[in-house]
Amino acid sequence: MATSKKAKKPSNEESPTLIIKNQKGKSEERKLAEVLLSPTALNAFTAETFIATSERALDLTEKTEKIISGDLSELESTLTA
C-alpha cells in the first residue's frame, strides 16, 4: 500500500505576505486594486515568480526606500542592463 506525502505548509517566514495599510475614505476593494495594479507590486510578483525556486527571500523594502530617498543607482543599473 502506497502512502501519500502531505504538502508542507509554509511558515509565515516562507510565505510571501502583502501588507496593505488602512487609508481613510478608501474601500478595501479600492485599496487592494490600487496595490495590485501598482508598478511596485507588479514587479515584485514578476520577480517572485522567477526566484520561486531559489532559497533567497525577496525583500523590496530596502530598495524601494533607497529610490524614494533619491538614490536611483540600482534603478539606473537595471534600466541600463
N, C-alpha and C. Protein backbone atom coordinates (compact mmCIF):
# COMPACT_ATOMS: atom_id res chain seq x y z
N MET A 1 0.84 -1.18 0.00
CA MET A 1 0.00 0.00 0.00
C MET A 1 0.89 1.24 0.00
N ALA A 2 0.64 2.13 -0.91
CA ALA A 2 1.44 3.35 -1.01
C ALA A 2 0.89 4.41 -0.08
N THR A 3 1.79 5.19 0.46
CA THR A 3 1.37 6.31 1.31
C THR A 3 1.64 7.60 0.57
N SER A 4 0.77 8.55 0.75
CA SER A 4 0.97 9.83 0.07
C SER A 4 1.60 10.81 1.04
N LYS A 5 2.45 11.65 0.50
CA LYS A 5 3.09 12.68 1.31
C LYS A 5 2.19 13.91 1.37
N LYS A 6 2.08 14.48 2.54
CA LYS A 6 1.31 15.71 2.67
C LYS A 6 2.17 16.89 2.28
N ALA A 7 1.56 17.86 1.64
CA ALA A 7 2.29 19.07 1.25
C ALA A 7 2.73 19.81 2.50
N LYS A 8 3.94 20.31 2.46
CA LYS A 8 4.48 21.08 3.59
C LYS A 8 3.79 22.43 3.63
N LYS A 9 3.24 22.76 4.78
CA LYS A 9 2.59 24.06 4.95
C LYS A 9 3.67 25.10 5.21
N PRO A 10 3.74 26.16 4.39
CA PRO A 10 4.80 27.15 4.58
C PRO A 10 4.59 27.92 5.88
N SER A 11 5.70 28.22 6.54
CA SER A 11 5.62 29.05 7.73
C SER A 11 5.45 30.50 7.30
N ASN A 12 5.15 31.37 8.24
CA ASN A 12 4.99 32.79 7.91
C ASN A 12 6.25 33.35 7.28
N GLU A 13 7.41 32.82 7.69
CA GLU A 13 8.67 33.31 7.16
C GLU A 13 8.86 32.90 5.70
N GLU A 14 8.28 31.77 5.31
CA GLU A 14 8.45 31.26 3.96
C GLU A 14 7.42 31.80 2.97
N SER A 15 6.25 32.18 3.44
CA SER A 15 5.22 32.60 2.51
C SER A 15 5.23 34.10 2.30
N PRO A 16 5.09 34.53 1.05
CA PRO A 16 5.07 35.97 0.77
C PRO A 16 3.86 36.63 1.41
N THR A 17 4.04 37.78 1.97
CA THR A 17 2.95 38.49 2.63
C THR A 17 2.86 39.90 2.08
N LEU A 18 1.66 40.31 1.76
CA LEU A 18 1.41 41.67 1.29
C LEU A 18 0.64 42.40 2.36
N ILE A 19 1.22 43.45 2.89
CA ILE A 19 0.57 44.23 3.94
C ILE A 19 0.08 45.54 3.33
N ILE A 20 -1.22 45.78 3.47
CA ILE A 20 -1.84 46.99 2.93
C ILE A 20 -2.29 47.85 4.09
N LYS A 21 -1.77 49.07 4.16
CA LYS A 21 -2.11 49.97 5.25
C LYS A 21 -3.50 50.57 5.03
N ASN A 22 -4.19 50.83 6.14
CA ASN A 22 -5.51 51.46 6.07
C ASN A 22 -5.38 52.90 5.58
N GLN A 23 -6.32 53.31 4.75
CA GLN A 23 -6.37 54.68 4.26
C GLN A 23 -7.80 55.16 4.39
N LYS A 24 -7.98 56.25 5.09
CA LYS A 24 -9.32 56.78 5.30
C LYS A 24 -9.96 57.13 3.96
N GLY A 25 -11.24 56.83 3.85
CA GLY A 25 -12.00 57.19 2.67
C GLY A 25 -11.87 56.22 1.51
N LYS A 26 -11.10 55.13 1.67
CA LYS A 26 -10.95 54.16 0.58
C LYS A 26 -11.49 52.82 1.04
N SER A 27 -12.26 52.18 0.18
CA SER A 27 -12.80 50.86 0.50
C SER A 27 -11.68 49.82 0.40
N GLU A 28 -11.93 48.67 1.00
CA GLU A 28 -10.96 47.57 0.93
C GLU A 28 -10.68 47.19 -0.52
N GLU A 29 -11.74 47.15 -1.33
CA GLU A 29 -11.60 46.78 -2.74
C GLU A 29 -10.73 47.79 -3.48
N ARG A 30 -10.94 49.08 -3.20
CA ARG A 30 -10.17 50.13 -3.86
C ARG A 30 -8.69 50.04 -3.49
N LYS A 31 -8.41 49.86 -2.19
CA LYS A 31 -7.02 49.75 -1.74
C LYS A 31 -6.33 48.55 -2.38
N LEU A 32 -7.02 47.42 -2.40
CA LEU A 32 -6.45 46.22 -2.98
C LEU A 32 -6.18 46.40 -4.47
N ALA A 33 -7.12 47.00 -5.18
CA ALA A 33 -6.94 47.24 -6.62
C ALA A 33 -5.76 48.16 -6.88
N GLU A 34 -5.63 49.23 -6.10
CA GLU A 34 -4.52 50.17 -6.28
C GLU A 34 -3.17 49.50 -6.03
N VAL A 35 -3.11 48.67 -5.00
CA VAL A 35 -1.85 48.00 -4.69
C VAL A 35 -1.52 46.97 -5.75
N LEU A 36 -2.49 46.15 -6.13
CA LEU A 36 -2.21 45.09 -7.09
C LEU A 36 -1.89 45.61 -8.49
N LEU A 37 -2.33 46.82 -8.80
CA LEU A 37 -2.02 47.41 -10.10
C LEU A 37 -0.83 48.35 -10.05
N SER A 38 -0.22 48.52 -8.89
CA SER A 38 0.92 49.43 -8.78
C SER A 38 2.15 48.81 -9.42
N PRO A 39 3.02 49.63 -9.98
CA PRO A 39 4.24 49.10 -10.59
C PRO A 39 5.10 48.31 -9.62
N THR A 40 5.16 48.74 -8.37
CA THR A 40 5.97 48.03 -7.38
C THR A 40 5.45 46.62 -7.17
N ALA A 41 4.14 46.47 -6.98
CA ALA A 41 3.57 45.14 -6.76
C ALA A 41 3.72 44.26 -7.99
N LEU A 42 3.46 44.81 -9.16
CA LEU A 42 3.58 44.01 -10.39
C LEU A 42 5.01 43.53 -10.59
N ASN A 43 5.98 44.39 -10.32
CA ASN A 43 7.38 43.98 -10.44
C ASN A 43 7.75 42.95 -9.39
N ALA A 44 7.23 43.12 -8.18
CA ALA A 44 7.51 42.16 -7.11
C ALA A 44 6.94 40.79 -7.46
N PHE A 45 5.72 40.75 -7.99
CA PHE A 45 5.11 39.48 -8.38
C PHE A 45 5.94 38.80 -9.47
N THR A 46 6.40 39.59 -10.43
CA THR A 46 7.21 39.05 -11.51
C THR A 46 8.53 38.50 -10.97
N ALA A 47 9.19 39.27 -10.12
CA ALA A 47 10.45 38.83 -9.54
C ALA A 47 10.25 37.58 -8.69
N GLU A 48 9.18 37.54 -7.93
CA GLU A 48 8.89 36.37 -7.09
C GLU A 48 8.71 35.12 -7.94
N THR A 49 8.10 35.26 -9.09
CA THR A 49 7.91 34.12 -9.99
C THR A 49 9.24 33.56 -10.44
N PHE A 50 10.20 34.44 -10.74
CA PHE A 50 11.48 33.99 -11.25
C PHE A 50 12.40 33.44 -10.16
N ILE A 51 12.19 33.85 -8.91
CA ILE A 51 13.06 33.33 -7.85
C ILE A 51 12.33 32.35 -6.94
N ALA A 52 11.16 31.90 -7.34
CA ALA A 52 10.35 31.00 -6.52
C ALA A 52 11.11 29.72 -6.16
N THR A 53 11.97 29.26 -7.03
CA THR A 53 12.72 28.04 -6.75
C THR A 53 14.03 28.31 -6.02
N SER A 54 14.32 29.56 -5.82
CA SER A 54 15.56 29.95 -5.14
C SER A 54 15.37 29.92 -3.63
N GLU A 55 16.45 29.83 -2.90
CA GLU A 55 16.39 29.86 -1.44
C GLU A 55 16.39 31.30 -0.92
N ARG A 56 16.64 32.26 -1.78
CA ARG A 56 16.71 33.66 -1.35
C ARG A 56 15.31 34.24 -1.17
N ALA A 57 15.15 35.05 -0.18
CA ALA A 57 13.88 35.74 0.06
C ALA A 57 13.85 37.03 -0.75
N LEU A 58 12.67 37.44 -1.12
CA LEU A 58 12.51 38.68 -1.88
C LEU A 58 12.05 39.77 -0.94
N ASP A 59 12.88 40.80 -0.77
CA ASP A 59 12.52 41.92 0.09
C ASP A 59 12.83 43.20 -0.66
N LEU A 60 11.78 43.87 -1.10
CA LEU A 60 11.96 45.09 -1.87
C LEU A 60 11.89 46.35 -1.02
N THR A 61 11.68 46.20 0.26
CA THR A 61 11.52 47.37 1.14
C THR A 61 12.74 48.27 1.09
N GLU A 62 13.93 47.69 1.27
CA GLU A 62 15.16 48.49 1.29
C GLU A 62 15.38 49.18 -0.06
N LYS A 63 15.18 48.44 -1.13
CA LYS A 63 15.38 49.02 -2.47
C LYS A 63 14.39 50.15 -2.74
N THR A 64 13.14 49.95 -2.34
CA THR A 64 12.12 50.98 -2.54
C THR A 64 12.44 52.22 -1.73
N GLU A 65 12.89 52.04 -0.49
CA GLU A 65 13.23 53.18 0.36
C GLU A 65 14.40 53.97 -0.23
N LYS A 66 15.38 53.28 -0.80
CA LYS A 66 16.51 53.97 -1.43
C LYS A 66 16.04 54.84 -2.59
N ILE A 67 15.15 54.31 -3.39
CA ILE A 67 14.63 55.05 -4.55
C ILE A 67 13.84 56.27 -4.09
N ILE A 68 12.99 56.08 -3.09
CA ILE A 68 12.19 57.19 -2.57
C ILE A 68 13.07 58.29 -2.01
N SER A 69 14.19 57.89 -1.38
CA SER A 69 15.10 58.89 -0.81
C SER A 69 15.98 59.56 -1.87
N GLY A 70 15.88 59.12 -3.11
CA GLY A 70 16.61 59.77 -4.18
C GLY A 70 17.79 59.00 -4.73
N ASP A 71 18.12 57.85 -4.15
CA ASP A 71 19.22 57.02 -4.63
C ASP A 71 18.71 56.15 -5.77
N LEU A 72 18.98 56.55 -6.99
CA LEU A 72 18.48 55.84 -8.16
C LEU A 72 19.54 54.93 -8.80
N SER A 73 20.64 54.68 -8.11
CA SER A 73 21.75 53.94 -8.71
C SER A 73 21.34 52.54 -9.16
N GLU A 74 20.61 51.81 -8.32
CA GLU A 74 20.20 50.46 -8.72
C GLU A 74 19.18 50.49 -9.85
N LEU A 75 18.28 51.46 -9.80
CA LEU A 75 17.28 51.62 -10.85
C LEU A 75 17.97 51.94 -12.18
N GLU A 76 18.95 52.83 -12.15
CA GLU A 76 19.70 53.18 -13.36
C GLU A 76 20.45 51.96 -13.91
N SER A 77 21.03 51.16 -13.02
CA SER A 77 21.73 49.94 -13.46
C SER A 77 20.78 48.96 -14.12
N THR A 78 19.61 48.82 -13.54
CA THR A 78 18.60 47.92 -14.10
C THR A 78 18.17 48.37 -15.48
N LEU A 79 17.91 49.65 -15.62
CA LEU A 79 17.47 50.19 -16.92
C LEU A 79 18.58 50.10 -17.96
N THR A 80 19.82 50.32 -17.52
CA THR A 80 20.95 50.23 -18.44
C THR A 80 21.13 48.79 -18.93
N ALA A 81 20.97 47.85 -18.01
CA ALA A 81 21.14 46.43 -18.38
C ALA A 81 20.05 46.02 -19.36
